Amino acid sequence: MLSRCRKNSLWQAGLALAAGLTVAASSWALEHVEMPGWGRVLVAVGPAPVYGVLVWAMVRGVRLMDELQRRMMLEALAFGFAGGWVAAVVYEQLAEADVGLPHLTVHWTLFLFVILWVGGYAAAARRYR
């Protein structure tokens, strides 16, 4: 029998996968399918409800955590947000300086934030082991 926290984690992973797939499908459709302007708007905002449910599930997951897990998550989010912000600003300044770097897209910026968040969580988990 799976614990309540583990079930929630599996559900969150499924939602994250669904969110990623809806964004991929939306991006593909916007690039390859001819649509009127209102259709493009609907396809572009189509993933938003899935992301809304994902945010709700993540908040619910944090509420199910014990004190130590919450502390680790807070440290990971702080590291991911602050580190991602600094890295994105420095990278964009270098791109503006015409040193041969392309400008970041929102996808790469979010990817950077997630990678730093996961790294921060791994560091916190190791610290509190």
C-alpha atoms as a PDB file:
ATOM      1  CA  MET A   1       0.000   0.000   0.000  1.00  0.00           C
ATOM      2  CA  LEU A   2       1.387   3.406  -0.965  1.00  0.00           C
ATOM      3  CA  SER A   3       1.557   6.142   1.650  1.00  0.00           C
ATOM      4  CA  ARG A   4      -0.475   9.299   1.188  1.00  0.00           C
ATOM      5  CA  CYS A   5       2.665  11.365   0.526  1.00  0.00           C
ATOM      6  CA  ARG A   6       3.957   8.876  -2.060  1.00  0.00           C
ATOM      7  CA  LYS A   7       0.585   8.795  -3.851  1.00  0.00           C
ATOM      8  CA  ASN A   8       0.657  12.586  -3.973  1.00  0.00           C
ATOM      9  CA  SER A   9       4.195  12.531  -5.409  1.00  0.00           C
ATOM     10  CA  LEU A  10       3.165  10.095  -8.139  1.00  0.00           C
ATOM     11  CA  TRP A  11       0.122  12.229  -8.915  1.00  0.00           C
ATOM     12  CA  GLN A  12       2.326  15.344  -9.135  1.00  0.00           C
ATOM     13  CA  ALA A  13       4.758  13.567 -11.445  1.00  0.00           C
ATOM     14  CA  GLY A  14       1.855  12.575 -13.696  1.00  0.00           C
ATOM     15  CA  LEU A  15       0.573  16.154 -13.732  1.00  0.00           C
ATOM     16  CA  ALA A  16       4.051  17.480 -14.535  1.00  0.00           C
ATOM     17  CA  LEU A  17       4.292  15.025 -17.419  1.00  0.00           C
ATOM     18  CA  ALA A  18       0.831  16.051 -18.653  1.00  0.00           C
ATOM     19  CA  ALA A  19       1.786  19.726 -18.402  1.00  0.00           C
ATOM     20  CA  GLY A  20       4.966  19.154 -20.383  1.00  0.00           C
ATOM     21  CA  LEU A  21       3.087  17.206 -23.041  1.00  0.00           C
ATOM     22  CA  THR A  22       0.414  19.906 -23.376  1.00  0.00           C
ATOM     23  CA  VAL A  23       3.099  22.572 -23.831  1.00  0.00           C
ATOM     24  CA  ALA A  24       4.901  20.435 -26.416  1.00  0.00           C
ATOM     25  CA  ALA A  25       1.642  19.789 -28.287  1.00  0.00           C
ATOM     26  CA  SER A  26       0.696  23.462 -28.101  1.00  0.00           C
ATOM     27  CA  SER A  27       4.114  24.579 -29.381  1.00  0.00           C
ATOM     28  CA  TRP A  28       3.989  22.039 -32.201  1.00  0.00           C
ATOM     29  CA  ALA A  29       0.474  23.121 -33.213  1.00  0.00           C
ATOM     30  CA  LEU A  30       1.405  26.804 -33.175  1.00  0.00           C
ATOM     31  CA  GLU A  31       4.350  26.087 -35.481  1.00  0.00           C
ATOM     32  CA  HIS A  32       2.811  23.580 -37.887  1.00  0.00           C
ATOM     33  CA  VAL A  33      -0.963  24.114 -38.021  1.00  0.00           C
ATOM     34  CA  GLU A  34      -2.574  27.015 -39.845  1.00  0.00           C
ATOM     35  CA  MET A  35      -5.150  28.684 -37.553  1.00  0.00           C
ATOM     36  CA  PRO A  36      -6.994  31.971 -37.281  1.00  0.00           C
ATOM     37  CA  GLY A  37      -5.827  34.432 -34.611  1.00  0.00           C
ATOM     38  CA  TRP A  38      -8.384  33.384 -31.990  1.00  0.00           C
ATOM     39  CA  GLY A  39      -7.481  29.726 -32.545  1.00  0.00           C
ATOM     40  CA  ARG A  40      -3.814  30.484 -31.937  1.00  0.00           C
ATOM     41  CA  VAL A  41      -4.729  32.245 -28.683  1.00  0.00           C
ATOM     42  CA  LEU A  42      -6.783  29.249 -27.516  1.00  0.00           C
ATOM     43  CA  VAL A  43      -3.979  26.820 -28.360  1.00  0.00           C
ATOM     44  CA  ALA A  44      -1.385  29.063 -26.667  1.00  0.00           C
ATOM     45  CA  VAL A  45      -3.320  29.262 -23.379  1.00  0.00           C
ATOM     46  CA  GLY A  46      -4.500  25.639 -23.546  1.00  0.00           C
ATOM     47  CA  PRO A  47      -1.830  24.328 -21.131  1.00  0.00           C
ATOM     48  CA  ALA A  48      -2.753  26.920 -18.452  1.00  0.00           C
ATOM     49  CA  PRO A  49      -5.473  24.832 -16.727  1.00  0.00           C
ATOM     50  CA  VAL A  50      -3.114  21.858 -16.466  1.00  0.00           C
ATOM     51  CA  TYR A  51      -0.484  24.107 -14.897  1.00  0.00           C
ATOM     52  CA  GLY A  52      -3.094  25.500 -12.490  1.00  0.00           C
ATOM     53  CA  VAL A  53      -3.892  21.984 -11.279  1.00  0.00           C
ATOM     54  CA  LEU A  54      -0.159  21.246 -11.031  1.00  0.00           C
ATOM     55  CA  VAL A  55       0.412  24.308  -8.819  1.00  0.00           C
ATOM     56  CA  TRP A  56      -2.520  23.270  -6.616  1.00  0.00           C
ATOM     57  CA  ALA A  57      -1.073  19.747  -6.308  1.00  0.00           C
ATOM     58  CA  MET A  58       2.370  21.094  -5.413  1.00  0.00           C
ATOM     59  CA  VAL A  59       0.953  23.344  -2.683  1.00  0.00           C
ATOM     60  CA  ARG A  60      -1.034  20.383  -1.388  1.00  0.00           C
ATOM     61  CA  GLY A  61       2.152  18.308  -1.394  1.00  0.00           C
ATOM     62  CA  VAL A  62       4.001  20.913   0.665  1.00  0.00           C
ATOM     63  CA  ARG A  63       1.147  20.883   3.184  1.00  0.00           C
ATOM     64  CA  LEU A  64       1.603  17.117   3.568  1.00  0.00           C
ATOM     65  CA  MET A  65       5.335  17.453   4.316  1.00  0.00           C
ATOM     66  CA  ASP A  66       6.786  17.341   7.793  1.00  0.00           C
ATOM     67  CA  GLU A  67       8.887  20.198   9.198  1.00  0.00           C
ATOM     68  CA  LEU A  68      12.224  18.957   7.901  1.00  0.00           C
ATOM     69  CA  GLN A  69      10.897  18.320   4.392  1.00  0.00           C
ATOM     70  CA  ARG A  70       9.371  21.813   4.315  1.00  0.00           C
ATOM     71  CA  ARG A  71      12.669  23.340   5.409  1.00  0.00           C
ATOM     72  CA  MET A  72      14.538  21.441   2.699  1.00  0.00           C
ATOM     73  CA  MET A  73      11.975  22.529   0.088  1.00  0.00           C
ATOM     74  CA  LEU A  74      12.223  26.161   1.194  1.00  0.00           C
ATOM     75  CA  GLU A  75      16.026  26.082   0.926  1.00  0.00           C
ATOM     76  CA  ALA A  76      15.801  24.432  -2.493  1.00  0.00           C
ATOM     77  CA  LEU A  77      13.280  26.979  -3.789  1.00  0.00           C
ATOM     78  CA  ALA A  78      15.340  29.887  -2.429  1.00  0.00           C
ATOM     79  CA  PHE A  79      18.484  28.529  -4.102  1.00  0.00           C
ATOM     80  CA  GLY A  80      16.653  27.819  -7.367  1.00  0.00           C
ATOM     81  CA  PHE A  81      14.957  31.210  -7.527  1.00  0.00           C
ATOM     82  CA  ALA A  82      17.927  33.341  -6.470  1.00  0.00           C
ATOM     83  CA  GLY A  83      20.463  31.312  -8.447  1.00  0.00           C
ATOM     84  CA  GLY A  84      18.272  31.253 -11.546  1.00  0.00           C
ATOM     85  CA  TRP A  85      17.623  34.966 -11.327  1.00  0.00           C
ATOM     86  CA  VAL A  86      21.330  35.815 -11.013  1.00  0.00           C
ATOM     87  CA  ALA A  87      22.334  33.408 -13.798  1.00  0.00           C
ATOM     88  CA  ALA A  88      19.604  34.692 -16.143  1.00  0.00           C
ATOM     89  CA  VAL A  89      20.499  38.349 -15.533  1.00  0.00           C
ATOM     90  CA  VAL A  90      24.234  37.737 -16.045  1.00  0.00           C
ATOM     91  CA  TYR A  91      23.584  35.671 -19.181  1.00  0.00           C
ATOM     92  CA  GLU A  92      21.271  38.325 -20.651  1.00  0.00           C
ATOM     93  CA  GLN A  93      23.844  41.041 -19.923  1.00  0.00           C
ATOM     94  CA  LEU A  94      26.443  38.981 -21.793  1.00  0.00           C
ATOM     95  CA  ALA A  95      24.004  38.518 -24.689  1.00  0.00           C
ATOM     96  CA  GLU A  96      23.429  42.296 -24.763  1.00  0.00           C
ATOM     97  CA  ALA A  97      27.208  42.820 -24.851  1.00  0.00           C
ATOM     98  CA  ASP A  98      27.292  40.981 -28.203  1.00  0.00           C
ATOM     99  CA  VAL A  99      29.730  38.264 -27.149  1.00  0.00           C
ATOM    100  CA  GLY A 100      28.038  35.707 -29.384  1.00  0.00           C
ATOM    101  CA  LEU A 101      25.408  34.376 -26.990  1.00  0.00           C
ATOM    102  CA  PRO A 102      21.787  34.138 -28.123  1.00  0.00           C
ATOM    103  CA  HIS A 103      19.076  35.644 -25.928  1.00  0.00           C
ATOM    104  CA  LEU A 104      17.354  33.257 -23.530  1.00  0.00           C
ATOM    105  CA  THR A 105      13.839  32.075 -24.219  1.00  0.00           C
ATOM    106  CA  VAL A 106      11.380  31.533 -21.394  1.00  0.00           C
ATOM    107  CA  HIS A 107      11.733  27.764 -21.851  1.00  0.00           C
ATOM    108  CA  TRP A 108      15.471  27.833 -21.160  1.00  0.00           C
ATOM    109  CA  THR A 109      15.015  30.209 -18.238  1.00  0.00           C
ATOM    110  CA  LEU A 110      12.433  27.930 -16.615  1.00  0.00           C
ATOM    111  CA  PHE A 111      14.649  24.921 -17.285  1.00  0.00           C
ATOM    112  CA  LEU A 112      17.500  26.715 -15.494  1.00  0.00           C
ATOM    113  CA  PHE A 113      15.268  27.473 -12.484  1.00  0.00           C
ATOM    114  CA  VAL A 114      14.151  23.828 -12.258  1.00  0.00           C
ATOM    115  CA  ILE A 115      17.702  22.483 -12.539  1.00  0.00           C
ATOM    116  CA  LEU A 116      18.879  24.808  -9.766  1.00  0.00           C
ATOM    117  CA  TRP A 117      15.833  23.909  -7.631  1.00  0.00           C
ATOM    118  CA  VAL A 118      16.612  20.192  -7.967  1.00  0.00           C
ATOM    119  CA  GLY A 119      20.281  20.863  -7.201  1.00  0.00           C
ATOM    120  CA  GLY A 120      19.294  22.900  -4.148  1.00  0.00           C
ATOM    121  CA  TYR A 121      17.033  20.112  -2.931  1.00  0.00           C
ATOM    122  CA  ALA A 122      19.811  17.547  -3.402  1.00  0.00           C
ATOM    123  CA  ALA A 123      22.202  19.760  -1.412  1.00  0.00           C
ATOM    124  CA  ALA A 124      19.628  20.226   1.367  1.00  0.00           C
ATOM    125  CA  ALA A 125      18.904  16.490   1.469  1.00  0.00           C
ATOM    126  CA  ARG A 126      22.604  15.765   1.778  1.00  0.00           C
ATOM    127  CA  ARG A 127      23.013  18.420   4.455  1.00  0.00           C
ATOM    128  CA  TYR A 128      20.223  17.029   6.635  1.00  0.00           C
ATOM    129  CA  ARG A 129      21.117  13.360   6.113  1.00  0.00           C
END
